[in-house]
């Protein structure tokens, strides 16, 4: 894909503070084996014994991804995150917990999704993505009709998608675009369905900071 064809970047900086030497050494040692190869991706080749495949988009520091992987060792979890410090943190969680069912894409998730087979993913997590709150930056939000269509392609019928945010406008924005696609059925029926964290949710450090303008909202969808 040429630079002219590449979609607008939905994430900001890819690195902040310097990664500590011990953690950098761990990344150098472990990341090559954890990294998802370039080109077409066959989840069955990455983990032949996996019962199903999940995808976490923007895993941040990796706490949620690691916890889900520990709970479901028979599930292959693909994690995508362009922020290098977050990738280093995730590698540390994987190493410390001895997890063998996670593979990482340290880049734009849209490149990974483009290489996934149709109906190959059973579950998608999009938790607290960059809200780009200024109106002039809304075009940089991750949730766009093009991504929704791509997710509909890779999710199995009956597959689940969870979106969470603590920015009210981004919640409304995402709900409108996901339901407009007609391929995602929102599961919310009463206020507690979106105000209360789902039973299997894992609270992350970012979520605890409460940087948004509302309490966290959780939207669960099913691929129709």
C-alpha atoms as a PDB file:
ATOM      1  CA  UNK A   1       0.000   0.000   0.000  1.00  0.00           C
ATOM      2  CA  UNK A   2       1.439   3.371  -1.017  1.00  0.00           C
ATOM      3  CA  UNK A   3       1.491   6.355   1.324  1.00  0.00           C
ATOM      4  CA  UNK A   4      -1.245   7.968  -0.768  1.00  0.00           C
ATOM      5  CA  UNK A   5      -3.495   4.926  -0.364  1.00  0.00           C
ATOM      6  CA  UNK A   6      -2.832   4.435   3.359  1.00  0.00           C
ATOM      7  CA  UNK A   7      -5.750   5.524   5.596  1.00  0.00           C
ATOM      8  CA  UNK A   8      -5.337   8.434   7.994  1.00  0.00           C
ATOM      9  CA  UNK A   9      -3.427   7.361  11.094  1.00  0.00           C
ATOM     10  CA  UNK A  10      -5.800   6.756  14.007  1.00  0.00           C
ATOM     11  CA  UNK A  11      -3.124   6.818  16.702  1.00  0.00           C
ATOM     12  CA  UNK A  12      -0.771   9.515  17.970  1.00  0.00           C
ATOM     13  CA  UNK A  13       2.784   9.071  19.146  1.00  0.00           C
ATOM     14  CA  UNK A  14       4.356   5.627  18.952  1.00  0.00           C
ATOM     15  CA  UNK A  15       6.838   6.125  21.771  1.00  0.00           C
ATOM     16  CA  UNK A  16       7.102   8.263  24.905  1.00  0.00           C
ATOM     17  CA  UNK A  17       9.766   7.722  27.551  1.00  0.00           C
ATOM     18  CA  UNK A  18      12.788   5.531  26.896  1.00  0.00           C
ATOM     19  CA  UNK A  19      12.143   1.850  27.483  1.00  0.00           C
ATOM     20  CA  UNK A  20      14.147   0.575  30.439  1.00  0.00           C
ATOM     21  CA  UNK A  21      17.210  -1.490  29.439  1.00  0.00           C
ATOM     22  CA  UNK A  22      15.939  -4.673  31.111  1.00  0.00           C
ATOM     23  CA  UNK A  23      12.579  -4.381  29.387  1.00  0.00           C
ATOM     24  CA  UNK A  24      14.214  -3.496  26.059  1.00  0.00           C
ATOM     25  CA  UNK A  25      16.361  -6.621  26.314  1.00  0.00           C
ATOM     26  CA  UNK A  26      13.238  -8.689  26.984  1.00  0.00           C
ATOM     27  CA  UNK A  27      11.578  -7.201  23.898  1.00  0.00           C
ATOM     28  CA  UNK A  28      14.644  -7.992  21.768  1.00  0.00           C
ATOM     29  CA  UNK A  29      14.595 -11.552  23.063  1.00  0.00           C
ATOM     30  CA  UNK A  30      10.860 -12.335  22.972  1.00  0.00           C
ATOM     31  CA  UNK A  31       9.148 -10.100  20.415  1.00  0.00           C
ATOM     32  CA  UNK A  32      10.513 -11.788  17.246  1.00  0.00           C
ATOM     33  CA  UNK A  33       8.834 -15.058  18.231  1.00  0.00           C
ATOM     34  CA  UNK A  34       5.626 -13.300  19.306  1.00  0.00           C
ATOM     35  CA  UNK A  35       5.334 -11.053  16.255  1.00  0.00           C
ATOM     36  CA  UNK A  36       2.722 -11.994  13.641  1.00  0.00           C
ATOM     37  CA  UNK A  37       4.514 -12.516  10.313  1.00  0.00           C
ATOM     38  CA  UNK A  38       3.938 -10.057   7.471  1.00  0.00           C
ATOM     39  CA  UNK A  39       1.590 -11.097   4.702  1.00  0.00           C
ATOM     40  CA  UNK A  40      -1.504 -13.322   4.810  1.00  0.00           C
ATOM     41  CA  UNK A  41      -2.264 -14.543   8.331  1.00  0.00           C
ATOM     42  CA  UNK A  42      -3.541 -18.060   9.019  1.00  0.00           C
ATOM     43  CA  UNK A  43      -4.513 -18.226  12.727  1.00  0.00           C
ATOM     44  CA  UNK A  44      -4.484 -22.036  12.532  1.00  0.00           C
ATOM     45  CA  UNK A  45      -0.818 -21.942  11.618  1.00  0.00           C
ATOM     46  CA  UNK A  46      -0.028 -19.625  14.525  1.00  0.00           C
ATOM     47  CA  UNK A  47      -1.698 -21.924  17.070  1.00  0.00           C
ATOM     48  CA  UNK A  48      -3.030 -25.151  15.520  1.00  0.00           C
ATOM     49  CA  UNK A  49      -4.722 -26.323  18.722  1.00  0.00           C
ATOM     50  CA  UNK A  50      -6.639 -23.074  19.308  1.00  0.00           C
ATOM     51  CA  UNK A  51     -10.376 -23.456  19.806  1.00  0.00           C
ATOM     52  CA  UNK A  52     -10.929 -19.979  18.355  1.00  0.00           C
ATOM     53  CA  UNK A  53      -9.207 -16.665  17.660  1.00  0.00           C
ATOM     54  CA  UNK A  54      -9.746 -13.326  19.387  1.00  0.00           C
ATOM     55  CA  UNK A  55      -8.438  -9.891  18.392  1.00  0.00           C
ATOM     56  CA  UNK A  56      -7.641  -6.990  20.720  1.00  0.00           C
ATOM     57  CA  UNK A  57      -7.216  -3.665  18.950  1.00  0.00           C
ATOM     58  CA  UNK A  58      -4.993  -1.195  20.791  1.00  0.00           C
ATOM     59  CA  UNK A  59      -4.055  -3.320  23.798  1.00  0.00           C
ATOM     60  CA  UNK A  60      -2.328  -0.451  25.611  1.00  0.00           C
ATOM     61  CA  UNK A  61      -0.093  -1.917  28.304  1.00  0.00           C
ATOM     62  CA  UNK A  62      -1.389  -5.422  27.676  1.00  0.00           C
ATOM     63  CA  UNK A  63      -3.034  -6.046  31.070  1.00  0.00           C
ATOM     64  CA  UNK A  64      -6.447  -6.886  29.646  1.00  0.00           C
ATOM     65  CA  UNK A  65      -5.023  -9.025  26.848  1.00  0.00           C
ATOM     66  CA  UNK A  66      -2.791 -11.001  29.207  1.00  0.00           C
ATOM     67  CA  UNK A  67      -5.609 -11.585  31.681  1.00  0.00           C
ATOM     68  CA  UNK A  68      -7.948 -12.829  28.941  1.00  0.00           C
ATOM     69  CA  UNK A  69      -5.211 -15.120  27.596  1.00  0.00           C
ATOM     70  CA  UNK A  70      -4.613 -16.577  31.050  1.00  0.00           C
ATOM     71  CA  UNK A  71      -8.345 -17.239  31.499  1.00  0.00           C
ATOM     72  CA  UNK A  72      -8.684 -18.890  28.075  1.00  0.00           C
ATOM     73  CA  UNK A  73      -5.454 -20.786  27.319  1.00  0.00           C
ATOM     74  CA  UNK A  74      -7.152 -22.646  24.468  1.00  0.00           C
ATOM     75  CA  UNK A  75      -7.859 -19.364  22.627  1.00  0.00           C
ATOM     76  CA  UNK A  76      -5.382 -17.600  20.333  1.00  0.00           C
ATOM     77  CA  UNK A  77      -5.350 -13.870  21.028  1.00  0.00           C
ATOM     78  CA  UNK A  78      -3.989 -11.522  18.377  1.00  0.00           C
ATOM     79  CA  UNK A  79      -3.040  -8.146  19.809  1.00  0.00           C
ATOM     80  CA  UNK A  80      -2.340  -4.993  17.807  1.00  0.00           C
ATOM     81  CA  UNK A  81      -0.686  -1.888  19.252  1.00  0.00           C
ATOM     82  CA  UNK A  82       1.583   0.688  17.558  1.00  0.00           C
ATOM     83  CA  UNK A  83       2.792   2.297  20.817  1.00  0.00           C
ATOM     84  CA  UNK A  84       6.231   0.839  21.510  1.00  0.00           C
ATOM     85  CA  UNK A  85       6.075   1.332  25.267  1.00  0.00           C
ATOM     86  CA  UNK A  86       2.789  -0.568  25.344  1.00  0.00           C
ATOM     87  CA  UNK A  87       4.271  -3.390  23.281  1.00  0.00           C
ATOM     88  CA  UNK A  88       7.197  -3.613  25.713  1.00  0.00           C
ATOM     89  CA  UNK A  89       4.772  -3.770  28.637  1.00  0.00           C
ATOM     90  CA  UNK A  90       2.754  -6.516  26.948  1.00  0.00           C
ATOM     91  CA  UNK A  91       5.871  -8.576  26.261  1.00  0.00           C
ATOM     92  CA  UNK A  92       6.715  -8.317  29.968  1.00  0.00           C
ATOM     93  CA  UNK A  93       3.232  -9.524  30.974  1.00  0.00           C
ATOM     94  CA  UNK A  94       3.473 -12.431  28.533  1.00  0.00           C
ATOM     95  CA  UNK A  95       6.901 -13.448  29.801  1.00  0.00           C
ATOM     96  CA  UNK A  96       6.085 -13.107  33.500  1.00  0.00           C
ATOM     97  CA  UNK A  97       2.884 -15.144  33.178  1.00  0.00           C
ATOM     98  CA  UNK A  98       4.331 -17.723  30.809  1.00  0.00           C
ATOM     99  CA  UNK A  99       1.565 -17.157  28.250  1.00  0.00           C
ATOM    100  CA  UNK A 100       1.823 -19.082  24.993  1.00  0.00           C
ATOM    101  CA  UNK A 101      -1.436 -18.097  23.287  1.00  0.00           C
ATOM    102  CA  UNK A 102      -0.738 -14.466  22.337  1.00  0.00           C
ATOM    103  CA  UNK A 103       0.735 -13.134  19.093  1.00  0.00           C
ATOM    104  CA  UNK A 104       1.488  -9.459  18.534  1.00  0.00           C
ATOM    105  CA  UNK A 105       1.301  -6.950  15.705  1.00  0.00           C
ATOM    106  CA  UNK A 106       3.300  -3.857  16.674  1.00  0.00           C
ATOM    107  CA  UNK A 107       1.736  -1.546  14.123  1.00  0.00           C
ATOM    108  CA  UNK A 108      -1.542  -0.343  12.614  1.00  0.00           C
ATOM    109  CA  UNK A 109      -4.260  -2.934  13.200  1.00  0.00           C
ATOM    110  CA  UNK A 110      -5.775  -2.198   9.789  1.00  0.00           C
ATOM    111  CA  UNK A 111      -2.732  -3.780   8.164  1.00  0.00           C
ATOM    112  CA  UNK A 112      -3.303  -6.921  10.225  1.00  0.00           C
ATOM    113  CA  UNK A 113      -7.043  -7.074   9.557  1.00  0.00           C
ATOM    114  CA  UNK A 114      -6.414  -6.790   5.812  1.00  0.00           C
ATOM    115  CA  UNK A 115      -4.438 -10.040   5.978  1.00  0.00           C
ATOM    116  CA  UNK A 116      -6.909 -12.055   8.080  1.00  0.00           C
ATOM    117  CA  UNK A 117      -9.189 -14.591   6.385  1.00  0.00           C
ATOM    118  CA  UNK A 118     -12.937 -14.085   6.216  1.00  0.00           C
ATOM    119  CA  UNK A 119     -14.858 -15.238   9.300  1.00  0.00           C
ATOM    120  CA  UNK A 120     -11.661 -16.174  11.131  1.00  0.00           C
ATOM    121  CA  UNK A 121     -12.169 -14.250  14.385  1.00  0.00           C
ATOM    122  CA  UNK A 122     -14.660 -15.079  17.132  1.00  0.00           C
ATOM    123  CA  UNK A 123     -14.212 -12.008  19.285  1.00  0.00           C
ATOM    124  CA  UNK A 124     -12.911  -8.431  19.021  1.00  0.00           C
ATOM    125  CA  UNK A 125     -12.046  -6.007  21.826  1.00  0.00           C
ATOM    126  CA  UNK A 126     -11.693  -2.260  21.225  1.00  0.00           C
ATOM    127  CA  UNK A 127     -11.168  -0.786  24.679  1.00  0.00           C
ATOM    128  CA  UNK A 128     -10.689   2.935  25.263  1.00  0.00           C
ATOM    129  CA  UNK A 129      -9.210   3.911  21.891  1.00  0.00           C
ATOM    130  CA  UNK A 130      -7.889   7.423  21.356  1.00  0.00           C
ATOM    131  CA  UNK A 131     -11.072   9.566  21.324  1.00  0.00           C
ATOM    132  CA  UNK A 132      -9.698  12.427  19.219  1.00  0.00           C
ATOM    133  CA  UNK A 133     -12.232  14.749  20.901  1.00  0.00           C
ATOM    134  CA  UNK A 134     -11.721  17.840  18.734  1.00  0.00           C
ATOM    135  CA  UNK A 135     -14.137  17.950  15.810  1.00  0.00           C
ATOM    136  CA  UNK A 136     -11.374  18.602  13.304  1.00  0.00           C
ATOM    137  CA  UNK A 137      -9.703  15.341  14.418  1.00  0.00           C
ATOM    138  CA  UNK A 138     -12.782  13.109  14.206  1.00  0.00           C
ATOM    139  CA  UNK A 139     -11.550  11.787  10.871  1.00  0.00           C
ATOM    140  CA  UNK A 140      -8.692  10.159  12.823  1.00  0.00           C
ATOM    141  CA  UNK A 141     -10.986   8.116  15.035  1.00  0.00           C
ATOM    142  CA  UNK A 142     -10.504   4.391  14.656  1.00  0.00           C
ATOM    143  CA  UNK A 143     -14.209   3.625  14.352  1.00  0.00           C
ATOM    144  CA  UNK A 144     -15.042   4.525  10.760  1.00  0.00           C
ATOM    145  CA  UNK A 145     -17.378   2.807   8.268  1.00  0.00           C
ATOM    146  CA  UNK A 146     -14.378   1.235   6.499  1.00  0.00           C
ATOM    147  CA  UNK A 147     -13.121  -0.431   9.683  1.00  0.00           C
ATOM    148  CA  UNK A 148     -16.625  -1.564  10.609  1.00  0.00           C
ATOM    149  CA  UNK A 149     -16.897  -3.274   7.216  1.00  0.00           C
ATOM    150  CA  UNK A 150     -13.504  -4.911   7.677  1.00  0.00           C
ATOM    151  CA  UNK A 151     -14.464  -6.189  11.125  1.00  0.00           C
ATOM    152  CA  UNK A 152     -17.713  -7.569   9.737  1.00  0.00           C
ATOM    153  CA  UNK A 153     -15.666  -9.490   7.177  1.00  0.00           C
ATOM    154  CA  UNK A 154     -13.247 -11.118   9.628  1.00  0.00           C
ATOM    155  CA  UNK A 155     -15.759 -11.826  12.403  1.00  0.00           C
ATOM    156  CA  UNK A 156     -17.621 -15.108  12.303  1.00  0.00           C
ATOM    157  CA  UNK A 157     -21.424 -15.010  12.264  1.00  0.00           C
ATOM    158  CA  UNK A 158     -22.348 -14.889  15.922  1.00  0.00           C
ATOM    159  CA  UNK A 159     -18.942 -13.429  16.769  1.00  0.00           C
ATOM    160  CA  UNK A 160     -18.795 -10.705  19.391  1.00  0.00           C
ATOM    161  CA  UNK A 161     -17.355  -7.199  19.424  1.00  0.00           C
ATOM    162  CA  UNK A 162     -16.871  -5.088  22.543  1.00  0.00           C
ATOM    163  CA  UNK A 163     -16.242  -1.352  22.390  1.00  0.00           C
ATOM    164  CA  UNK A 164     -15.566   0.693  25.513  1.00  0.00           C
ATOM    165  CA  UNK A 165     -14.886   4.388  25.988  1.00  0.00           C
ATOM    166  CA  UNK A 166     -15.090   7.087  28.649  1.00  0.00           C
ATOM    167  CA  UNK A 167     -15.840   9.828  26.117  1.00  0.00           C
ATOM    168  CA  UNK A 168     -19.599  10.282  25.646  1.00  0.00           C
ATOM    169  CA  UNK A 169     -19.360  11.678  22.129  1.00  0.00           C
ATOM    170  CA  UNK A 170     -17.167   8.783  20.977  1.00  0.00           C
ATOM    171  CA  UNK A 171     -19.630   6.289  22.447  1.00  0.00           C
ATOM    172  CA  UNK A 172     -22.465   7.877  20.442  1.00  0.00           C
ATOM    173  CA  UNK A 173     -20.249   8.079  17.348  1.00  0.00           C
ATOM    174  CA  UNK A 174     -19.288   4.397  17.533  1.00  0.00           C
ATOM    175  CA  UNK A 175     -22.770   3.147  18.336  1.00  0.00           C
ATOM    176  CA  UNK A 176     -24.169   5.014  15.327  1.00  0.00           C
ATOM    177  CA  UNK A 177     -21.559   3.624  12.919  1.00  0.00           C
ATOM    178  CA  UNK A 178     -21.675   0.049  14.158  1.00  0.00           C
ATOM    179  CA  UNK A 179     -25.471  -0.201  14.104  1.00  0.00           C
ATOM    180  CA  UNK A 180     -25.669   1.571  10.740  1.00  0.00           C
ATOM    181  CA  UNK A 181     -23.741  -1.276   9.161  1.00  0.00           C
ATOM    182  CA  UNK A 182     -26.671  -3.684   9.723  1.00  0.00           C
ATOM    183  CA  UNK A 183     -24.145  -6.454  10.437  1.00  0.00           C
ATOM    184  CA  UNK A 184     -23.759  -5.740  14.148  1.00  0.00           C
ATOM    185  CA  UNK A 185     -26.595  -6.141  16.632  1.00  0.00           C
ATOM    186  CA  UNK A 186     -26.169  -4.122  19.814  1.00  0.00           C
ATOM    187  CA  UNK A 187     -26.934  -6.209  22.879  1.00  0.00           C
ATOM    188  CA  UNK A 188     -27.840  -3.326  25.203  1.00  0.00           C
ATOM    189  CA  UNK A 189     -31.428  -3.369  26.496  1.00  0.00           C
ATOM    190  CA  UNK A 190     -31.250  -1.435  29.775  1.00  0.00           C
ATOM    191  CA  UNK A 191     -28.857   1.104  31.260  1.00  0.00           C
ATOM    192  CA  UNK A 192     -26.929  -1.435  33.349  1.00  0.00           C
ATOM    193  CA  UNK A 193     -25.997  -3.245  30.135  1.00  0.00           C
ATOM    194  CA  UNK A 194     -23.679  -0.397  29.159  1.00  0.00           C
ATOM    195  CA  UNK A 195     -22.966   1.267  32.502  1.00  0.00           C
ATOM    196  CA  UNK A 196     -21.801  -1.847  34.333  1.00  0.00           C
ATOM    197  CA  UNK A 197     -18.547  -3.545  33.282  1.00  0.00           C
ATOM    198  CA  UNK A 198     -19.266  -6.975  31.760  1.00  0.00           C
ATOM    199  CA  UNK A 199     -18.483  -9.926  34.064  1.00  0.00           C
ATOM    200  CA  UNK A 200     -15.416 -10.901  32.028  1.00  0.00           C
ATOM    201  CA  UNK A 201     -14.000  -7.361  31.771  1.00  0.00           C
ATOM    202  CA  UNK A 202     -10.527  -6.640  33.121  1.00  0.00           C
ATOM    203  CA  UNK A 203      -9.936  -3.082  34.326  1.00  0.00           C
ATOM    204  CA  UNK A 204      -6.816  -1.470  32.885  1.00  0.00           C
ATOM    205  CA  UNK A 205      -4.534   1.255  34.206  1.00  0.00           C
ATOM    206  CA  UNK A 206      -5.833   3.658  31.573  1.00  0.00           C
ATOM    207  CA  UNK A 207      -9.433   3.033  32.589  1.00  0.00           C
ATOM    208  CA  UNK A 208      -8.606   3.715  36.234  1.00  0.00           C
ATOM    209  CA  UNK A 209      -7.226   7.161  35.349  1.00  0.00           C
ATOM    210  CA  UNK A 210     -10.706   8.357  34.287  1.00  0.00           C
ATOM    211  CA  UNK A 211      -9.356  10.768  31.687  1.00  0.00           C
ATOM    212  CA  UNK A 212     -12.599  11.028  29.728  1.00  0.00           C
ATOM    213  CA  UNK A 213     -15.713  13.097  30.255  1.00  0.00           C
ATOM    214  CA  UNK A 214     -18.019  10.308  31.439  1.00  0.00           C
ATOM    215  CA  UNK A 215     -17.983   7.036  33.332  1.00  0.00           C
ATOM    216  CA  UNK A 216     -16.807   4.077  31.206  1.00  0.00           C
ATOM    217  CA  UNK A 217     -19.442   2.801  28.783  1.00  0.00           C
ATOM    218  CA  UNK A 218     -19.369  -0.756  27.424  1.00  0.00           C
ATOM    219  CA  UNK A 219     -21.078  -1.620  24.134  1.00  0.00           C
ATOM    220  CA  UNK A 220     -21.337  -5.291  23.208  1.00  0.00           C
ATOM    221  CA  UNK A 221     -22.350  -6.339  19.688  1.00  0.00           C
ATOM    222  CA  UNK A 222     -23.005  -9.639  17.929  1.00  0.00           C
ATOM    223  CA  UNK A 223     -22.100 -10.195  14.281  1.00  0.00           C
ATOM    224  CA  UNK A 224     -25.416 -11.044  12.620  1.00  0.00           C
END
